[in-house]
Amino acid sequence: MAYKVVTSFFDKEDNKRLYEVGQSYPRTGFEPSEERIKLLSTVDNDEKTIFIKEVKKKKSEPKKSGK
């Protein structure tokens, strides 16, 4: 799944990498645990802040005929 950063944070499980608002999470080559995703996507963390939100893929609409 893909996530978008909504609150900047340093990821202590990814060499203290800075993720800024608007960036994708996780970066290519890094696989966070399900527990880590839960901590970052809910207020169940020390900061009581949501850091990432799931990006829902849009269903592609059928192309309109040019007739």
Protein backbone atom coordinates (compact mmCIF):
# COMPACT_ATOMS: atom_id res chain seq x y z
CA MET A 1 0.00 0.00 0.00
CA ALA A 2 1.04 3.55 -0.57
CA TYR A 3 0.82 6.33 1.99
CA LYS A 4 1.15 10.11 1.89
CA VAL A 5 2.87 12.07 4.67
CA VAL A 6 0.44 14.49 6.35
CA THR A 7 2.71 15.55 9.25
CA SER A 8 6.50 15.73 8.89
CA PHE A 9 8.49 13.27 10.98
CA PHE A 10 11.86 11.56 11.37
CA ASP A 11 11.45 7.79 10.99
CA LYS A 12 13.61 6.17 13.64
CA GLU A 13 13.19 2.80 11.92
CA ASP A 14 14.56 4.20 8.63
CA ASN A 15 17.90 5.67 9.81
CA LYS A 16 16.09 8.75 11.19
CA ARG A 17 15.08 9.73 7.66
CA LEU A 18 13.04 12.92 7.40
CA TYR A 19 9.69 12.49 5.69
CA GLU A 20 8.05 15.79 4.82
CA VAL A 21 4.40 16.63 4.17
CA GLY A 22 3.33 15.52 0.71
CA GLN A 23 6.00 12.85 0.29
CA SER A 24 5.19 9.19 -0.28
CA TYR A 25 5.80 6.70 2.52
CA PRO A 26 7.68 4.43 2.59
CA ARG A 27 10.56 5.27 0.30
CA THR A 28 11.61 2.76 -2.34
CA GLY A 29 13.74 0.04 -0.75
CA PHE A 30 12.33 0.39 2.76
CA GLU A 31 9.70 -2.01 4.11
CA PRO A 32 8.13 -0.83 7.39
CA SER A 33 6.41 -3.33 9.64
CA GLU A 34 2.62 -3.41 9.90
CA GLU A 35 3.03 -2.22 13.49
CA ARG A 36 5.02 0.81 12.27
CA ILE A 37 2.33 1.66 9.71
CA LYS A 38 -0.30 1.48 12.47
CA LEU A 39 1.73 3.77 14.74
CA LEU A 40 2.21 6.36 12.00
CA SER A 41 -1.35 6.23 10.62
CA THR A 42 -3.20 6.51 13.95
CA VAL A 43 -2.89 8.53 17.15
CA ASP A 44 -1.63 5.41 18.95
CA ASN A 45 1.90 6.84 19.26
CA ASP A 46 3.85 9.01 21.71
CA GLU A 47 3.00 12.20 19.80
CA LYS A 48 -0.75 11.39 19.54
CA THR A 49 -0.50 12.57 15.92
CA ILE A 50 -1.35 11.04 12.55
CA PHE A 51 1.73 11.18 10.33
CA ILE A 52 0.63 9.24 7.23
CA LYS A 53 -2.63 8.51 5.41
CA GLU A 54 -3.33 5.73 2.95
CA VAL A 55 -3.52 6.78 -0.68
CA LYS A 56 -6.49 5.18 -2.36
CA LYS A 57 -6.03 4.34 -6.00
CA LYS A 58 -8.62 5.95 -8.21
CA LYS A 59 -10.50 3.62 -10.46
CA SER A 60 -9.81 4.59 -14.03
CA GLU A 61 -12.88 5.70 -15.91
CA PRO A 62 -13.56 4.21 -19.33
CA LYS A 63 -12.40 6.44 -22.13
CA LYS A 64 -15.16 8.38 -23.82
CA SER A 65 -15.73 7.79 -27.48
CA GLY A 66 -14.94 10.79 -29.67
CA LYS A 67 -18.02 10.19 -31.86
